[in-house]
Amino acid sequence: MASVLVTAFEPYDDWPTNASWLTLVELTKNLPDEPVITTRRYCVDFDKVRTQLAKDLADGYDFAIHLGQSPPDALITLETIGINVRGERDQPPEQFGPLVADGPTAYHTQLPVRELTERLRNAGLPARVSYHAGEYLCNATLYLSHHLTIQLGVDTKSLFIHLPLDPSQLKPTMCRQATLPVTTGARALRLILQELDQL
């Protein structure tokens, strides 16, 4: 039976909630019998995420699914590549630096992202493949998950999924913002977990 680490983030900036955490909480209301799932909530902080990832990945999970909130998106987005770039939201791009000084330029997920995305679409769920997870903490989580796996000598395969806002998170000035109920996001996660348990 496969083991899966599923992580989400705490609220950040002026967001009182985070769609990733709301979705993970919804998932735990009806967890599948298989695979065996461990959940974590991470701080929105580069150094704390790295420390917590190293601690969690040392347990040698088969898979790690990392969730993040992406307010502009209308689709469940499966990220393919994490790049060795660290940028804070208040920094201009020219001030960005590497996540790992001697690390490779990028890591490509070993999981079948296209097939998983197609599985979601066939189930009527709005999903897409993305080849760039950005330059901020979501990208860092994907990159470091791969990098730390190698450093720790474990065989965890990692994936990052961006989720749209839940309707409950809309602000008065965001009436036209795309949203996706966390129940739908949780349904997508259950389907992905079923697929991973068969790999």
Protein backbone atom coordinates (compact mmCIF):
# COMPACT_ATOMS: atom_id res chain seq x y z
CA MET A 1 0.00 0.00 0.00
CA ALA A 2 1.40 3.38 -1.02
CA SER A 3 2.07 6.18 1.46
CA VAL A 4 1.40 9.80 0.54
CA LEU A 5 2.36 13.08 2.18
CA VAL A 6 -0.16 15.82 1.36
CA THR A 7 0.77 19.39 2.32
CA ALA A 8 -1.00 22.74 2.20
CA PHE A 9 -0.21 26.29 3.27
CA GLU A 10 -1.45 28.56 6.02
CA PRO A 11 -3.01 31.95 5.13
CA TYR A 12 -0.65 34.64 3.84
CA ASP A 13 -0.66 38.39 3.14
CA ASP A 14 -4.20 39.69 3.60
CA TRP A 15 -5.88 36.34 2.91
CA PRO A 16 -7.64 35.13 6.09
CA THR A 17 -7.84 31.60 4.65
CA ASN A 18 -5.93 29.56 2.08
CA ALA A 19 -7.67 27.48 -0.59
CA SER A 20 -5.03 24.78 -0.32
CA TRP A 21 -5.68 24.25 3.39
CA LEU A 22 -9.46 24.49 2.97
CA THR A 23 -9.26 21.79 0.31
CA LEU A 24 -7.07 19.56 2.44
CA VAL A 25 -9.45 19.88 5.37
CA GLU A 26 -12.32 18.94 3.03
CA LEU A 27 -10.33 15.91 1.82
CA THR A 28 -9.87 14.65 5.37
CA LYS A 29 -13.64 14.53 5.88
CA ASN A 30 -13.76 11.48 3.63
CA LEU A 31 -10.32 9.95 3.21
CA PRO A 32 -9.98 6.93 0.94
CA ASP A 33 -8.97 3.64 2.58
CA GLU A 34 -5.90 3.53 0.35
CA PRO A 35 -3.27 4.93 0.06
CA VAL A 36 -2.11 5.80 3.57
CA ILE A 37 -2.20 9.61 3.84
CA THR A 38 -0.31 11.98 6.12
CA THR A 39 -1.26 15.68 6.06
CA ARG A 40 0.73 18.77 6.97
CA ARG A 41 0.13 22.53 7.06
CA TYR A 42 3.20 24.60 6.21
CA CYS A 43 4.12 28.14 7.14
CA VAL A 44 4.47 30.65 4.31
CA ASP A 45 8.20 31.03 4.86
CA PHE A 46 11.03 29.70 2.68
CA ASP A 47 13.33 28.56 5.48
CA LYS A 48 10.58 27.00 7.59
CA VAL A 49 9.22 25.12 4.57
CA ARG A 50 12.66 23.72 3.80
CA THR A 51 13.14 22.58 7.39
CA GLN A 52 9.69 20.98 7.61
CA LEU A 53 10.04 19.33 4.20
CA ALA A 54 13.35 17.77 5.21
CA LYS A 55 11.78 16.44 8.39
CA ASP A 56 8.71 15.05 6.63
CA LEU A 57 10.45 13.57 3.59
CA ALA A 58 12.90 11.72 5.85
CA ASP A 59 9.98 9.39 6.63
CA GLY A 60 10.28 7.99 3.09
CA TYR A 61 6.81 8.46 1.62
CA ASP A 62 6.12 6.97 -1.80
CA PHE A 63 4.57 10.22 -2.98
CA ALA A 64 4.33 13.86 -1.89
CA ILE A 65 1.50 16.05 -3.14
CA HIS A 66 1.93 19.73 -2.33
CA LEU A 67 -1.04 22.10 -2.60
CA GLY A 68 -1.02 25.85 -3.06
CA GLN A 69 -3.47 28.67 -3.68
CA SER A 70 -3.42 30.53 -6.99
CA PRO A 71 -5.99 33.38 -7.01
CA PRO A 72 -5.77 34.17 -10.73
CA ASP A 73 -6.50 30.60 -11.83
CA ALA A 74 -9.83 29.07 -12.72
CA LEU A 75 -8.46 25.54 -13.13
CA ILE A 76 -6.83 22.89 -10.99
CA THR A 77 -3.25 23.20 -12.21
CA LEU A 78 -0.76 20.36 -12.06
CA GLU A 79 2.78 21.74 -12.11
CA THR A 80 5.50 19.93 -13.99
CA ILE A 81 8.76 21.78 -13.28
CA GLY A 82 10.29 23.42 -10.22
CA ILE A 83 13.15 25.84 -10.93
CA ASN A 84 16.11 26.81 -8.78
CA VAL A 85 14.90 30.35 -8.17
CA ARG A 86 13.96 32.02 -4.90
CA GLY A 87 12.03 35.26 -5.08
CA GLU A 88 10.03 37.10 -2.45
CA ARG A 89 6.80 38.83 -3.46
CA ASP A 90 8.21 42.26 -2.69
CA GLN A 91 11.43 41.73 -4.67
CA PRO A 92 12.01 42.73 -8.30
CA PRO A 93 13.14 39.78 -10.48
CA GLU A 94 16.70 41.07 -10.73
CA GLN A 95 17.07 40.46 -7.00
CA PHE A 96 15.95 36.84 -7.12
CA GLY A 97 18.53 34.25 -6.12
CA PRO A 98 18.89 30.45 -6.19
CA LEU A 99 17.09 28.16 -3.79
CA VAL A 100 20.14 25.91 -3.65
CA ALA A 101 23.51 27.49 -4.44
CA ASP A 102 24.94 24.40 -6.14
CA GLY A 103 21.66 22.81 -7.15
CA PRO A 104 20.54 21.91 -10.68
CA THR A 105 18.60 24.45 -12.72
CA ALA A 106 15.31 22.57 -12.41
CA TYR A 107 13.59 19.34 -11.44
CA HIS A 108 10.90 17.68 -13.54
CA THR A 109 8.25 15.68 -11.70
CA GLN A 110 8.46 11.94 -12.23
CA LEU A 111 4.71 11.56 -11.99
CA PRO A 112 2.50 11.23 -15.09
CA VAL A 113 1.08 14.76 -15.00
CA ARG A 114 -0.59 14.60 -18.40
CA GLU A 115 -2.31 11.32 -17.60
CA LEU A 116 -3.47 12.58 -14.21
CA THR A 117 -4.82 15.75 -15.79
CA GLU A 118 -6.68 13.73 -18.41
CA ARG A 119 -8.16 11.59 -15.65
CA LEU A 120 -9.52 14.70 -13.96
CA ARG A 121 -10.93 16.07 -17.21
CA ASN A 122 -12.62 12.77 -18.00
CA ALA A 123 -14.31 13.03 -14.61
CA GLY A 124 -15.65 16.47 -15.55
CA LEU A 125 -13.17 18.43 -13.44
CA PRO A 126 -11.47 21.61 -14.71
CA ALA A 127 -7.76 20.83 -14.89
CA ARG A 128 -4.66 21.73 -16.87
CA VAL A 129 -0.95 21.03 -17.06
CA SER A 130 1.50 23.83 -16.28
CA TYR A 131 5.22 23.79 -17.02
CA HIS A 132 6.25 26.58 -14.66
CA ALA A 133 5.37 26.80 -10.97
CA GLY A 134 6.47 30.45 -10.67
CA GLU A 135 9.36 31.86 -8.64
CA TYR A 136 7.87 32.02 -5.17
CA LEU A 137 7.16 29.55 -2.39
CA CYS A 138 5.01 27.15 -4.41
CA ASN A 139 7.83 26.67 -6.88
CA ALA A 140 10.31 26.40 -4.00
CA THR A 141 8.25 23.62 -2.43
CA LEU A 142 8.24 21.61 -5.65
CA TYR A 143 11.95 22.15 -6.27
CA LEU A 144 13.03 21.45 -2.69
CA SER A 145 10.82 18.39 -2.46
CA HIS A 146 12.81 16.86 -5.31
CA HIS A 147 16.17 18.14 -4.10
CA LEU A 148 15.72 16.97 -0.51
CA THR A 149 14.49 13.58 -1.68
CA ILE A 150 17.83 13.07 -3.41
CA GLN A 151 19.80 14.38 -0.44
CA LEU A 152 17.93 12.12 1.97
CA GLY A 153 18.31 9.07 -0.24
CA VAL A 154 14.59 8.32 -0.36
CA ASP A 155 12.43 7.55 -3.38
CA THR A 156 9.54 9.99 -2.91
CA LYS A 157 7.95 11.24 -6.14
CA SER A 158 6.60 14.78 -5.81
CA LEU A 159 3.86 16.83 -7.44
CA PHE A 160 2.62 20.38 -6.89
CA ILE A 161 -1.01 21.36 -7.51
CA HIS A 162 -2.28 24.94 -7.64
CA LEU A 163 -5.91 25.45 -6.67
CA PRO A 164 -8.28 28.34 -7.42
CA LEU A 165 -9.93 30.31 -4.67
CA ASP A 166 -12.95 28.87 -2.92
CA PRO A 167 -16.09 31.06 -3.31
CA SER A 168 -16.00 31.81 0.43
CA GLN A 169 -12.70 33.66 -0.07
CA LEU A 170 -14.02 36.25 -2.50
CA LYS A 171 -13.70 39.87 -1.49
CA PRO A 172 -16.22 42.56 -2.47
CA THR A 173 -13.82 43.91 -5.12
CA MET A 174 -13.42 40.45 -6.72
CA CYS A 175 -16.93 39.80 -8.02
CA ARG A 176 -15.61 38.49 -11.36
CA GLN A 177 -12.82 36.37 -9.92
CA ALA A 178 -12.91 32.71 -10.92
CA THR A 179 -13.45 30.27 -8.05
CA LEU A 180 -13.72 26.54 -7.46
CA PRO A 181 -15.48 24.98 -4.46
CA VAL A 182 -13.15 23.10 -2.14
CA THR A 183 -15.45 20.11 -2.48
CA THR A 184 -14.45 19.97 -6.15
CA GLY A 185 -10.77 20.32 -5.32
CA ALA A 186 -11.04 17.55 -2.74
CA ARG A 187 -12.77 15.32 -5.30
CA ALA A 188 -9.87 15.91 -7.70
CA LEU A 189 -7.38 14.99 -4.99
CA ARG A 190 -9.22 11.75 -4.26
CA LEU A 191 -9.03 10.78 -7.92
CA ILE A 192 -5.32 11.59 -8.05
CA LEU A 193 -4.71 9.56 -4.90
CA GLN A 194 -6.52 6.60 -6.44
CA GLU A 195 -4.30 6.82 -9.50
CA LEU A 196 -1.12 7.09 -7.43
CA ASP A 197 -2.08 4.04 -5.39
CA GLN A 198 -2.07 2.04 -8.63
CA LEU A 199 1.37 3.17 -9.83
